[in-house]
N, C-alpha and C. Protein backbone atom coordinates (compact mmCIF):
# COMPACT_ATOMS: atom_id res chain seq x y z
N MET A 1 0.82 -1.22 -0.16
CA MET A 1 0.04 -0.14 0.41
C MET A 1 1.06 1.06 0.03
N ALA A 2 0.30 2.92 -0.76
CA ALA A 2 1.17 3.35 -0.92
C ALA A 2 1.17 4.25 0.86
N PRO A 3 1.90 4.66 0.98
CA PRO A 3 1.90 6.15 1.84
C PRO A 3 0.92 7.43 1.28
N VAL A 4 0.39 8.10 3.06
CA VAL A 4 -0.39 9.20 1.46
C VAL A 4 1.18 10.48 1.51
N VAL A 5 1.80 10.28 2.88
CA VAL A 5 2.84 11.68 2.72
C VAL A 5 3.57 11.11 1.90
N GLU A 6 3.83 11.83 -0.03
CA GLU A 6 4.28 11.57 -0.92
C GLU A 6 5.45 12.10 -0.90
N SER A 7 5.50 13.00 -0.56
CA SER A 7 6.66 14.24 -0.31
C SER A 7 6.89 15.14 0.90
N ASP A 8 7.94 16.36 0.40
CA ASP A 8 7.97 17.15 1.34
C ASP A 8 6.88 18.70 1.10
N LEU A 9 6.40 18.37 0.21
CA LEU A 9 5.22 19.23 -0.11
C LEU A 9 3.22 19.30 0.34
N PHE A 10 3.10 20.35 0.51
CA PHE A 10 1.75 20.63 1.64
C PHE A 10 0.66 21.04 1.02
N THR A 11 -0.68 20.78 0.40
CA THR A 11 -0.88 21.57 0.76
C THR A 11 -1.51 22.73 1.29
N THR A 12 -2.33 23.40 1.05
CA THR A 12 -2.57 24.63 2.14
C THR A 12 -3.66 24.20 3.14
N THR A 13 -4.69 22.88 2.88
CA THR A 13 -5.63 22.50 3.65
C THR A 13 -4.38 22.04 4.68
N GLU A 14 -3.81 21.04 4.53
CA GLU A 14 -2.85 20.50 5.50
C GLU A 14 -2.16 21.16 6.33
N ILE A 15 -1.39 22.42 5.59
CA ILE A 15 -0.89 23.35 6.39
C ILE A 15 -2.29 24.20 7.35
N ALA A 16 -2.79 24.38 7.33
CA ALA A 16 -3.87 24.89 7.92
C ALA A 16 -3.98 23.66 9.58
N VAL A 17 -4.29 22.21 8.82
CA VAL A 17 -4.42 21.52 9.96
C VAL A 17 -2.81 21.53 10.96
N ILE A 18 -1.85 21.17 10.06
CA ILE A 18 -0.84 21.35 10.94
C ILE A 18 -0.28 22.33 12.02
N LEU A 19 -1.08 23.74 11.25
CA LEU A 19 -0.20 25.02 11.92
C LEU A 19 -1.58 24.97 13.44
N CYS A 20 -3.00 24.09 13.27
CA CYS A 20 -3.39 24.07 14.41
C CYS A 20 -2.59 23.46 15.25
N MET A 21 -2.38 21.98 14.74
CA MET A 21 -1.69 20.94 15.59
C MET A 21 -0.29 22.05 16.37
N ALA A 22 0.30 22.89 15.93
CA ALA A 22 1.12 23.94 16.49
C ALA A 22 0.84 25.13 17.22
N GLY A 23 -0.26 25.03 17.63
CA GLY A 23 -0.47 26.56 17.78
C GLY A 23 0.19 27.84 17.22
N ALA A 24 -0.54 27.96 16.13
CA ALA A 24 0.33 29.12 15.26
C ALA A 24 -0.61 30.05 15.82
N SER A 25 -2.41 29.88 15.77
CA SER A 25 -3.28 31.30 15.51
C SER A 25 -2.90 31.26 16.99
N PRO A 26 -3.02 32.77 18.04
CA PRO A 26 -3.80 33.22 18.78
C PRO A 26 -5.08 32.85 19.28
N SER A 27 -6.02 32.65 18.03
CA SER A 27 -7.42 32.03 18.58
C SER A 27 -7.39 30.09 18.79
N GLY A 28 -6.19 29.50 18.00
CA GLY A 28 -6.47 28.45 18.32
C GLY A 28 -6.76 27.12 17.06
N THR A 29 -7.01 28.60 16.15
CA THR A 29 -7.80 27.81 14.84
C THR A 29 -7.08 28.52 13.54
N VAL A 30 -6.90 27.84 12.85
CA VAL A 30 -6.49 28.01 11.19
C VAL A 30 -7.00 27.40 10.14
N SER A 31 -7.36 28.19 9.33
CA SER A 31 -8.60 28.12 7.96
C SER A 31 -7.34 28.06 6.99
N LYS A 32 -8.37 27.41 5.94
CA LYS A 32 -7.21 27.21 4.46
C LYS A 32 -7.49 28.49 3.92
N ARG A 33 -8.74 28.76 4.51
CA ARG A 33 -8.83 30.32 3.57
C ARG A 33 -7.96 31.16 4.28
N ALA A 34 -6.85 30.90 5.71
CA ALA A 34 -6.48 31.95 6.12
C ALA A 34 -5.46 31.55 5.62
N VAL A 35 -4.71 30.54 5.62
CA VAL A 35 -3.26 30.25 4.90
C VAL A 35 -3.63 30.68 2.97
N ASP A 36 -4.38 30.17 2.49
CA ASP A 36 -4.48 30.91 1.18
C ASP A 36 -4.65 32.31 1.01
N SER A 37 -4.60 33.08 1.89
CA SER A 37 -4.75 34.60 1.78
C SER A 37 -3.49 35.28 2.32
N VAL A 38 -2.35 34.16 3.29
CA VAL A 38 -1.03 34.79 3.53
C VAL A 38 -0.24 34.38 2.23
N VAL A 39 -0.51 33.04 1.46
CA VAL A 39 0.44 32.66 -0.09
C VAL A 39 0.08 33.71 -0.81
N ASP A 40 -1.67 34.45 -1.18
CA ASP A 40 -1.89 35.06 -2.02
C ASP A 40 -1.01 36.67 -1.67
N LYS A 41 -0.50 36.54 -0.74
CA LYS A 41 -0.09 37.90 -0.28
C LYS A 41 1.31 38.18 -1.19
N ARG A 42 2.02 37.17 -2.02
CA ARG A 42 3.37 36.66 -2.80
C ARG A 42 4.43 37.51 -1.79
N LEU A 43 4.53 37.28 -0.85
CA LEU A 43 5.49 37.40 0.54
C LEU A 43 6.60 36.50 0.15
N PHE A 44 6.70 35.36 -0.09
CA PHE A 44 7.47 34.34 -0.11
C PHE A 44 8.69 34.22 -0.67
N PRO A 45 9.68 33.86 -0.87
CA PRO A 45 10.36 33.52 -2.35
C PRO A 45 9.78 32.11 -3.49
N SER A 46 9.45 32.90 -4.47
CA SER A 46 8.92 31.98 -5.76
C SER A 46 8.75 30.39 -5.51
N ALA A 47 9.97 29.82 -5.02
CA ALA A 47 10.71 28.60 -4.76
C ALA A 47 9.96 27.63 -3.81
N VAL A 48 9.83 28.10 -3.05
CA VAL A 48 8.53 27.56 -2.07
C VAL A 48 7.21 27.25 -1.99
N VAL A 49 6.64 27.70 -3.43
CA VAL A 49 5.47 27.67 -3.43
C VAL A 49 5.25 26.40 -4.82
N ARG A 50 4.88 25.15 -5.36
CA ARG A 50 4.84 24.39 -6.21
C ARG A 50 3.14 23.96 -6.61
N ARG A 51 3.27 23.13 -7.23
CA ARG A 51 1.79 22.38 -7.16
C ARG A 51 2.30 20.52 -7.07
N ARG A 52 0.46 19.90 -6.53
CA ARG A 52 0.95 19.20 -6.10
C ARG A 52 -0.52 17.99 -6.71
N GLN A 53 -0.72 17.92 -7.64
CA GLN A 53 -2.01 16.84 -8.09
C GLN A 53 -2.67 17.80 -8.26
N HIS A 54 -2.00 18.85 -9.11
CA HIS A 54 -3.16 20.06 -9.76
C HIS A 54 -3.66 21.06 -8.34
N ALA A 55 -2.93 20.58 -7.12
CA ALA A 55 -3.84 21.50 -5.98
C ALA A 55 -2.17 22.71 -5.43
N ARG A 56 -2.24 23.87 -5.08
CA ARG A 56 -1.49 24.99 -4.82
C ARG A 56 -0.73 23.73 -3.72
N ALA A 57 0.93 23.96 -3.74
CA ALA A 57 1.47 23.51 -2.12
C ALA A 57 2.70 23.96 -1.96
N LEU A 58 3.14 23.82 -0.88
CA LEU A 58 4.55 24.74 -0.31
C LEU A 58 5.31 23.81 0.09
N THR A 59 6.55 23.69 -0.22
CA THR A 59 7.73 23.06 0.74
C THR A 59 7.74 23.12 2.38
N VAL A 60 8.92 22.50 3.12
CA VAL A 60 8.56 22.64 4.17
C VAL A 60 9.38 23.95 4.61
N ALA A 61 9.87 24.72 3.35
CA ALA A 61 10.12 25.97 3.80
C ALA A 61 9.58 26.71 3.77
N GLY A 62 8.04 26.89 2.51
CA GLY A 62 7.06 27.75 2.83
C GLY A 62 6.14 27.56 3.78
N LEU A 63 6.24 26.09 4.49
CA LEU A 63 5.37 25.97 5.88
C LEU A 63 5.74 26.67 6.98
N LYS A 64 6.61 26.87 7.28
CA LYS A 64 7.72 27.44 8.45
C LYS A 64 8.03 29.09 8.16
N MET A 65 7.47 29.65 6.91
CA MET A 65 7.29 31.23 6.48
C MET A 65 5.39 31.30 6.80
N VAL A 66 4.83 30.67 6.69
CA VAL A 66 3.46 30.80 6.54
C VAL A 66 3.36 31.26 7.98
N ALA A 67 3.98 30.01 8.99
CA ALA A 67 3.35 29.57 10.41
C ALA A 67 3.82 30.99 10.89
N ALA A 68 5.60 31.83 10.08
CA ALA A 68 6.38 32.68 10.80
C ALA A 68 5.12 33.95 10.40
N GLU A 69 4.25 34.11 9.10
CA GLU A 69 3.42 35.09 8.83
C GLU A 69 2.67 35.82 9.98
N PHE A 70 2.18 34.49 10.70
CA PHE A 70 0.75 34.51 11.58
C PHE A 70 1.51 35.57 13.05
N THR A 71 2.62 35.53 12.87
CA THR A 71 3.53 36.47 14.24
C THR A 71 3.46 37.73 14.19
N LEU A 72 4.52 37.65 12.58
CA LEU A 72 5.58 38.74 12.50
C LEU A 72 4.51 39.73 11.72
N ARG A 73 2.91 39.57 10.84
CA ARG A 73 2.67 40.33 10.75
C ARG A 73 1.98 41.44 11.41
N ARG A 74 1.97 40.96 13.08
CA ARG A 74 1.53 42.23 13.88
C ARG A 74 2.81 42.53 14.58
N GLU A 75 3.83 41.81 14.97
CA GLU A 75 5.42 42.33 15.34
C GLU A 75 6.54 43.01 14.16
N LEU A 76 6.39 42.47 12.90
CA LEU A 76 7.02 43.32 12.29
C LEU A 76 6.20 43.87 10.80
N PRO A 77 5.18 45.09 10.86
CA PRO A 77 4.25 45.08 9.85
C PRO A 77 4.55 45.97 8.67
N VAL A 78 6.09 46.39 8.14
CA VAL A 78 6.77 46.57 7.07
C VAL A 78 7.12 45.51 6.44
N VAL A 79 5.58 45.28 5.33
CA VAL A 79 6.36 44.46 4.04
C VAL A 79 6.85 44.09 3.83
N SER A 80 8.18 44.55 3.43
CA SER A 80 9.60 44.95 2.94
C SER A 80 10.54 43.98 4.40
N MET A 81 10.29 44.19 5.19
CA MET A 81 11.46 43.45 6.22
C MET A 81 11.05 41.99 6.05
N ARG A 82 9.43 41.83 6.30
CA ARG A 82 9.21 40.53 6.02
C ARG A 82 9.83 39.84 5.06
N LYS A 83 9.47 40.71 3.95
CA LYS A 83 10.00 39.70 2.85
C LYS A 83 11.51 39.63 3.38
N LEU A 84 12.24 40.18 3.61
CA LEU A 84 13.37 39.86 3.77
C LEU A 84 14.21 38.78 4.58
N VAL A 85 12.63 39.05 6.16
CA VAL A 85 13.02 37.71 6.91
C VAL A 85 12.93 36.50 5.77
N TYR A 86 11.76 36.45 5.43
CA TYR A 86 11.34 35.02 4.90
C TYR A 86 12.74 34.58 3.49
N ALA A 87 13.15 35.21 2.86
CA ALA A 87 14.37 35.25 1.66
C ALA A 87 15.35 34.33 3.08
N ASN A 88 16.19 35.35 4.01
CA ASN A 88 17.25 35.23 4.68
C ASN A 88 16.45 33.36 5.09
N LEU A 89 15.39 33.42 5.50
CA LEU A 89 14.93 32.35 5.92
C LEU A 89 14.99 30.93 5.03
N LEU A 90 15.13 31.40 4.19
CA LEU A 90 14.79 30.62 3.03
C LEU A 90 16.64 29.85 3.14
N GLN A 91 17.55 30.21 3.48
CA GLN A 91 18.65 30.14 3.46
C GLN A 91 19.33 29.92 4.94
N GLY A 92 18.21 29.32 5.70
CA GLY A 92 18.72 28.95 7.35
C GLY A 92 19.18 30.04 8.34
N GLN A 93 18.62 29.78 9.44
CA GLN A 93 18.61 30.80 10.44
C GLN A 93 20.45 31.10 10.64
N ALA A 94 20.37 32.30 11.82
CA ALA A 94 21.57 33.12 11.68
C ALA A 94 22.26 31.64 12.99
N ALA A 95 23.25 31.82 13.22
CA ALA A 95 24.00 30.80 14.24
C ALA A 95 22.72 31.23 15.33
N ASP A 96 22.79 32.39 15.73
CA ASP A 96 22.22 32.69 16.84
C ASP A 96 20.50 32.37 17.14
N GLY A 97 20.02 31.91 15.76
CA GLY A 97 18.64 31.82 15.79
C GLY A 97 17.86 32.85 15.45
N ARG A 98 18.53 33.90 15.27
CA ARG A 98 17.84 34.98 14.89
C ARG A 98 17.98 35.51 13.36
N ILE A 99 17.21 35.87 12.50
CA ILE A 99 17.04 36.36 11.66
C ILE A 99 17.03 37.80 10.84
N PRO A 100 17.82 38.05 10.06
CA PRO A 100 17.98 39.84 9.47
C PRO A 100 16.91 39.69 8.73
N ALA A 101 16.38 41.04 9.38
CA ALA A 101 14.48 41.87 8.83
C ALA A 101 15.73 43.27 8.22
N GLY A 102 16.65 43.16 8.17
CA GLY A 102 17.18 44.90 6.95
C GLY A 102 17.38 45.71 8.42
N GLY A 103 18.94 46.15 8.13
CA GLY A 103 19.76 47.07 9.27
C GLY A 103 19.92 46.20 10.74
N ALA A 104 19.38 46.56 11.72
CA ALA A 104 19.79 46.30 13.06
C ALA A 104 18.69 45.46 13.40
N VAL A 105 18.13 45.66 12.25
CA VAL A 105 16.38 44.97 13.59
C VAL A 105 16.43 43.14 12.60
N SER A 106 16.54 42.23 13.55
CA SER A 106 15.74 41.10 13.38
C SER A 106 15.19 40.45 14.61
N VAL A 107 14.54 39.06 14.30
CA VAL A 107 13.44 38.69 14.68
C VAL A 107 13.67 37.09 14.73
N ASP A 108 13.26 36.70 16.16
CA ASP A 108 13.75 35.15 16.97
C ASP A 108 12.31 34.07 16.72
N LEU A 109 12.89 33.42 15.37
CA LEU A 109 11.17 32.44 14.76
C LEU A 109 11.54 31.62 15.99
N GLU A 110 12.98 31.17 16.75
CA GLU A 110 13.12 29.42 17.32
C GLU A 110 11.85 29.12 18.18
N PRO A 111 11.14 29.83 18.93
CA PRO A 111 10.23 29.18 19.40
C PRO A 111 9.51 29.08 18.40
N GLN A 112 8.42 29.82 17.95
CA GLN A 112 7.76 29.01 16.87
C GLN A 112 8.07 28.13 15.91
N LEU A 113 9.48 27.85 15.37
CA LEU A 113 9.93 26.97 14.57
C LEU A 113 9.70 25.32 15.05
N ARG A 114 10.40 24.91 16.21
CA ARG A 114 10.35 24.78 17.54
C ARG A 114 8.63 23.54 17.58
N GLN A 115 8.09 24.77 17.83
CA GLN A 115 6.63 24.66 17.91
C GLN A 115 6.35 23.45 16.54
N LEU A 116 5.84 24.44 15.57
CA LEU A 116 5.90 24.37 14.40
C LEU A 116 6.56 22.31 13.84
N SER A 117 8.06 21.96 14.13
CA SER A 117 8.54 21.22 13.47
C SER A 117 8.47 20.11 14.14
N ASP A 118 7.89 20.47 15.40
CA ASP A 118 6.99 19.02 16.89
C ASP A 118 5.87 18.79 15.80
N ALA A 119 5.01 19.61 15.71
CA ALA A 119 3.32 19.10 14.82
C ALA A 119 4.02 18.53 13.36
N LEU A 120 5.22 18.68 12.76
CA LEU A 120 5.22 18.57 11.59
C LEU A 120 5.39 17.18 12.09
N VAL A 121 5.96 16.46 12.34
CA VAL A 121 6.56 15.07 13.26
C VAL A 121 5.53 14.89 13.48
N ARG A 122 4.35 15.44 14.17
CA ARG A 122 3.23 14.19 14.65
C ARG A 122 2.33 14.29 13.56
N TYR A 123 2.12 14.70 12.60
CA TYR A 123 1.58 15.11 11.59
C TYR A 123 1.71 14.05 10.82
N ARG A 124 3.25 14.08 10.54
CA ARG A 124 3.92 12.71 9.56
C ARG A 124 3.41 11.37 10.33
N GLN A 125 3.45 11.30 11.85
CA GLN A 125 3.26 10.14 12.59
C GLN A 125 2.54 9.58 12.14
N LEU A 126 0.99 10.51 11.94
CA LEU A 126 -0.35 9.54 11.97
C LEU A 126 -0.54 9.62 10.95
N MET A 127 -0.72 10.15 9.78
CA MET A 127 -0.40 9.91 8.18
C MET A 127 0.54 8.72 7.72
N ALA A 128 0.99 8.19 8.87
CA ALA A 128 2.31 7.03 8.40
C ALA A 128 1.15 5.29 8.83
N GLU A 129 0.14 6.21 9.59
CA GLU A 129 -1.22 5.29 9.54
C GLU A 129 -2.40 4.82 8.67
N ILE A 130 -1.88 5.68 7.89
CA ILE A 130 -3.18 5.57 6.61
C ILE A 130 -2.82 4.90 5.41
N GLU A 131 -3.29 4.05 4.52
CA GLU A 131 -2.67 3.68 3.47
C GLU A 131 -3.64 3.53 2.31
N ILE A 132 -3.28 3.77 1.41
CA ILE A 132 -3.74 3.51 -0.32
C ILE A 132 -4.09 2.85 -0.74
N ASP A 133 -4.87 2.03 -1.53
CA ASP A 133 -4.39 0.62 -2.07
C ASP A 133 -5.41 0.63 -2.73
N PRO A 134 -5.51 1.10 -4.41
CA PRO A 134 -6.51 0.46 -5.59
C PRO A 134 -7.33 -0.74 -5.14
N LYS A 135 -6.37 -1.73 -4.77
CA LYS A 135 -7.03 -3.15 -4.22
C LYS A 135 -8.01 -3.33 -2.97
N VAL A 136 -7.91 -2.66 -2.46
CA VAL A 136 -8.88 -2.50 -0.98
C VAL A 136 -9.47 -1.14 -0.71
N GLN A 137 -10.59 -1.86 -0.47
CA GLN A 137 -12.29 -0.92 -0.37
C GLN A 137 -12.22 0.51 -2.13
N ARG A 138 -11.63 -0.06 -2.65
CA ARG A 138 -11.99 0.61 -4.10
C ARG A 138 -10.95 1.80 -3.58
N GLY A 139 -10.40 1.72 -3.58
CA GLY A 139 -8.76 2.80 -3.08
C GLY A 139 -9.40 4.19 -2.34
N GLU A 140 -10.43 3.54 -1.37
CA GLU A 140 -10.53 4.75 -0.69
C GLU A 140 -9.34 4.46 0.84
N PRO A 141 -8.83 5.32 1.47
CA PRO A 141 -8.05 5.91 2.35
C PRO A 141 -8.62 4.81 3.62
N VAL A 142 -7.39 4.11 3.81
CA VAL A 142 -8.07 2.93 4.97
C VAL A 142 -6.92 2.92 5.85
N LEU A 143 -7.13 2.75 7.26
CA LEU A 143 -6.00 2.69 8.25
C LEU A 143 -5.29 1.22 8.23
N ARG A 144 -4.09 1.57 8.90
CA ARG A 144 -2.97 0.84 8.71
C ARG A 144 -3.32 -1.06 8.79
N GLY A 145 -2.76 -2.01 8.07
CA GLY A 145 -3.39 -2.81 7.72
C GLY A 145 -4.55 -3.44 8.78
N THR A 146 -5.45 -2.37 7.83
CA THR A 146 -7.16 -3.02 8.02
C THR A 146 -7.81 -2.80 7.00
N ARG A 147 -8.98 -3.15 7.03
CA ARG A 147 -10.15 -2.80 5.85
C ARG A 147 -10.48 -1.26 6.08
N VAL A 148 -10.80 -0.90 7.48
CA VAL A 148 -11.54 0.55 7.88
C VAL A 148 -11.14 1.46 7.14
N THR A 149 -12.03 2.01 6.73
CA THR A 149 -11.86 3.28 6.02
C THR A 149 -11.54 4.31 6.68
N VAL A 150 -10.53 5.51 6.74
CA VAL A 150 -10.45 6.77 7.38
C VAL A 150 -11.86 7.44 7.86
N HIS A 151 -13.07 7.46 6.95
CA HIS A 151 -13.63 8.20 6.63
C HIS A 151 -14.92 7.65 7.06
N THR A 152 -14.56 6.46 7.17
CA THR A 152 -16.22 6.08 8.72
C THR A 152 -15.45 6.51 9.36
N ILE A 153 -14.54 6.32 10.05
CA ILE A 153 -13.78 6.51 11.87
C ILE A 153 -13.71 8.38 11.75
N ALA A 154 -14.11 8.94 11.13
CA ALA A 154 -13.88 10.38 10.84
C ALA A 154 -15.36 11.09 11.41
N GLU A 155 -16.20 10.19 10.36
CA GLU A 155 -17.65 10.82 10.21
C GLU A 155 -18.63 10.10 11.72
N LEU A 156 -17.72 8.81 12.13
CA LEU A 156 -18.14 8.57 13.70
C LEU A 156 -17.84 9.37 14.83
N VAL A 157 -16.58 9.94 14.65
CA VAL A 157 -16.18 11.05 15.71
C VAL A 157 -16.90 12.27 15.35
N GLU A 158 -16.64 12.50 13.96
CA GLU A 158 -18.01 14.07 13.71
C GLU A 158 -19.49 14.30 14.16
N GLN A 159 -19.74 12.60 14.79
CA GLN A 159 -21.18 12.30 15.01
C GLN A 159 -21.38 12.73 16.75
N GLY A 160 -20.26 12.57 17.44
CA GLY A 160 -20.37 11.91 18.83
C GLY A 160 -19.74 10.57 19.36
N ALA A 161 -19.43 9.90 18.23
CA ALA A 161 -19.34 8.55 18.92
C ALA A 161 -17.96 8.31 19.81
N PRO A 162 -17.87 7.94 21.02
CA PRO A 162 -17.13 7.76 22.10
C PRO A 162 -15.65 7.08 21.24
N HIS A 163 -14.68 7.47 21.33
CA HIS A 163 -13.25 6.84 20.64
C HIS A 163 -13.40 5.40 21.74
N THR A 164 -13.78 5.41 22.74
CA THR A 164 -13.78 4.31 23.52
C THR A 164 -15.21 2.74 22.69
N ASP A 165 -16.15 3.55 21.86
CA ASP A 165 -17.38 3.00 21.51
C ASP A 165 -16.13 2.07 20.26
N ILE A 166 -15.82 3.27 19.51
CA ILE A 166 -15.53 3.41 18.41
C ILE A 166 -14.47 2.20 18.48
N LEU A 167 -13.40 1.70 19.59
CA LEU A 167 -12.55 1.06 19.57
C LEU A 167 -13.47 -0.71 19.82
N ARG A 168 -14.32 -0.50 20.55
CA ARG A 168 -15.13 -1.51 20.92
C ARG A 168 -15.85 -1.78 19.53
N HIS A 169 -15.88 -1.32 18.74
CA HIS A 169 -16.86 -1.58 17.67
C HIS A 169 -15.85 -2.25 16.33
N TYR A 170 -14.67 -1.52 16.85
CA TYR A 170 -13.62 -2.11 15.66
C TYR A 170 -12.55 -2.36 16.26
N PRO A 171 -12.36 -3.41 16.98
CA PRO A 171 -11.10 -4.25 17.65
C PRO A 171 -9.92 -4.20 16.82
N THR A 172 -9.84 -4.12 15.55
CA THR A 172 -8.84 -3.88 14.71
C THR A 172 -8.12 -2.57 14.76
N ILE A 173 -8.35 -1.56 15.11
CA ILE A 173 -7.81 -0.42 15.17
C ILE A 173 -7.34 0.22 16.27
N THR A 174 -6.27 1.23 16.40
CA THR A 174 -5.86 2.00 17.99
C THR A 174 -5.91 3.16 18.15
N ALA A 175 -6.41 3.63 19.44
CA ALA A 175 -6.45 5.06 19.32
C ALA A 175 -5.94 6.18 18.53
N GLU A 176 -4.22 5.39 18.18
CA GLU A 176 -3.38 6.64 17.70
C GLU A 176 -4.27 6.55 16.30
N GLN A 177 -4.59 5.52 15.93
CA GLN A 177 -5.60 5.26 14.24
C GLN A 177 -6.92 6.07 14.14
N VAL A 178 -7.56 6.28 15.44
CA VAL A 178 -8.34 7.21 15.62
C VAL A 178 -8.21 8.47 15.35
N GLU A 179 -7.11 9.19 16.14
CA GLU A 179 -6.70 10.51 15.89
C GLU A 179 -6.26 10.37 14.59
N ALA A 180 -5.46 9.84 13.94
CA ALA A 180 -4.90 9.52 12.40
C ALA A 180 -6.32 9.77 11.44
N ALA A 181 -7.20 9.23 11.91
CA ALA A 181 -8.07 9.21 11.09
C ALA A 181 -9.09 10.93 10.66
N GLN A 182 -9.26 11.39 12.17
CA GLN A 182 -9.86 12.71 12.31
C GLN A 182 -8.97 13.57 11.55
N THR A 183 -7.43 13.74 12.13
CA THR A 183 -6.25 14.29 11.39
C THR A 183 -6.86 14.19 9.76
N TYR A 184 -6.19 12.92 8.94
CA TYR A 184 -6.18 12.95 8.05
C TYR A 184 -7.93 13.52 6.97
N ALA A 185 -8.78 13.46 7.36
CA ALA A 185 -10.03 13.75 7.05
C ALA A 185 -9.90 15.62 7.13
N LYS A 186 -9.37 16.30 8.27
CA LYS A 186 -9.01 17.85 8.23
C LYS A 186 -8.93 17.98 6.99
N ALA A 187 -7.29 17.50 6.63
CA ALA A 187 -6.39 17.65 5.95
C ALA A 187 -6.84 17.44 4.62
N HIS A 188 -7.94 16.32 4.14
CA HIS A 188 -7.60 15.88 2.50
C HIS A 188 -9.37 15.79 2.55
N PRO A 189 -10.52 16.86 2.84
CA PRO A 189 -11.96 16.91 3.09
C PRO A 189 -12.23 15.91 1.68
N ARG A 190 -13.38 15.44 2.23
CA ARG A 190 -14.39 14.67 0.72
C ARG A 190 -14.75 15.37 -0.06
N ARG A 191 -14.62 15.30 -1.34
CA ARG A 191 -15.44 16.77 -2.33
C ARG A 191 -16.47 15.96 -2.98
N GLY A 192 -17.57 16.54 -2.65
CA GLY A 192 -18.55 15.94 -4.27
C GLY A 192 -19.50 14.66 -3.05
N ARG A 193 -18.92 14.27 -1.96
CA ARG A 193 -19.16 13.21 -1.95
C ARG A 193 -20.37 12.85 -0.06
N PRO A 194 -21.69 12.82 -0.19
CA PRO A 194 -22.34 12.71 1.26
C PRO A 194 -21.42 12.19 1.70
N PRO A 195 -22.12 12.05 3.36
CA PRO A 195 -21.15 11.86 4.73
C PRO A 195 -21.85 9.99 4.32
N LEU A 196 -20.65 9.37 4.59
CA LEU A 196 -21.42 7.66 4.83
C LEU A 196 -22.30 7.54 5.43
N PRO A 197 -23.13 6.93 4.30
CA PRO A 197 -24.17 6.22 4.75
C PRO A 197 -24.94 5.17 6.27
N ASP A 198 -23.64 4.85 6.28
CA ASP A 198 -23.97 3.87 7.48
C ASP A 198 -23.32 4.13 8.83
N ALA A 199 -22.51 5.52 8.74
CA ALA A 199 -22.11 6.31 9.95
C ALA A 199 -23.28 6.60 11.27
N GLY A 200 -24.41 6.89 11.08
CA GLY A 200 -25.31 6.94 11.87
C GLY A 200 -25.38 5.78 12.29
N LYS A 201 -26.49 5.20 11.35
CA LYS A 201 -26.52 3.34 12.05
C LYS A 201 -25.40 2.78 12.99
N ILE A 202 -24.05 3.40 12.86
CA ILE A 202 -23.09 2.19 13.76
C ILE A 202 -23.03 3.19 15.33
N VAL A 203 -23.26 4.78 14.26
CA VAL A 203 -23.80 5.06 16.01
C VAL A 203 -24.92 5.12 16.89
N ALA A 204 -25.70 4.18 16.06
CA ALA A 204 -26.88 4.18 16.93
C ALA A 204 -26.56 2.96 17.50
N ARG A 205 -25.84 1.83 16.82
CA ARG A 205 -25.67 0.66 17.32
C ARG A 205 -24.78 0.68 18.54
N MET A 206 -24.57 1.17 18.60
CA MET A 206 -22.69 1.31 19.25
C MET A 206 -23.64 1.53 20.57
N SER A 207 -24.73 3.09 20.45
CA SER A 207 -25.58 3.33 21.95
C SER A 207 -26.12 2.15 22.60
N VAL A 208 -26.63 1.85 21.66
CA VAL A 208 -26.99 0.43 21.91
C VAL A 208 -26.53 -0.41 22.72
N ASP A 209 -25.32 -1.28 22.28
CA ASP A 209 -24.13 -2.31 22.56
C ASP A 209 -23.94 -1.20 23.84
N ALA A 210 -23.42 -0.08 23.84
CA ALA A 210 -23.73 0.29 25.63
C ALA A 210 -24.40 0.43 26.42
N LEU A 211 -25.65 -0.05 26.22
CA LEU A 211 -26.31 0.43 27.19
C LEU A 211 -26.85 -1.06 27.43
N LYS A 212 -26.68 -2.05 26.62
CA LYS A 212 -26.52 -3.77 27.21
C LYS A 212 -25.42 -4.10 27.95
N ALA A 213 -24.79 -2.76 28.06
CA ALA A 213 -23.08 -3.40 28.60
C ALA A 213 -23.49 -2.87 30.52
N MET A 214 -24.40 -2.00 30.28
CA MET A 214 -24.31 -1.35 31.74
C MET A 214 -24.89 -2.29 32.23
């Protein structure tokens, strides 16, 4: 089966999810629209903006720049200085962790970039729990080592099914895979497809099973 993380390119939807995991926004949430808005400002070197499967995607360096922009647009309002920061960031941080912004001004992005690095590692760990094989479930993403589709589990969580009930109903999956399913569904939302028809029935069945166990 093929892993879902094919390269070091991330769509703006994936970036929004990773930034949420890193706590990059004071509000605690980051939307795809917010990430697209940042990229549309053309503040970053063109080398970090690419295409992946007909969607705009950014390199790891571009991901760092988007994360930095959420902080620097408040702390460093001069656009030309932020552009210089991102150009220097592409070349690597200074030895002391500070990045030149022009003249005697520099910025310290080490705390944000450390959080981002941790979030990226976690994101990759979760995505390693997802597999895609044209011969399994008609190519739908499934949880590693099972035939359980990712969006089935994500839909159950969305409908309020407790994780303990999901794990009892699907004994072949792990708590880590439930989290992976949620994360994947946010980073790769289904387009043009209705919610899975059996999700509501499964939630109801799990509720009945829970009552019987009392």
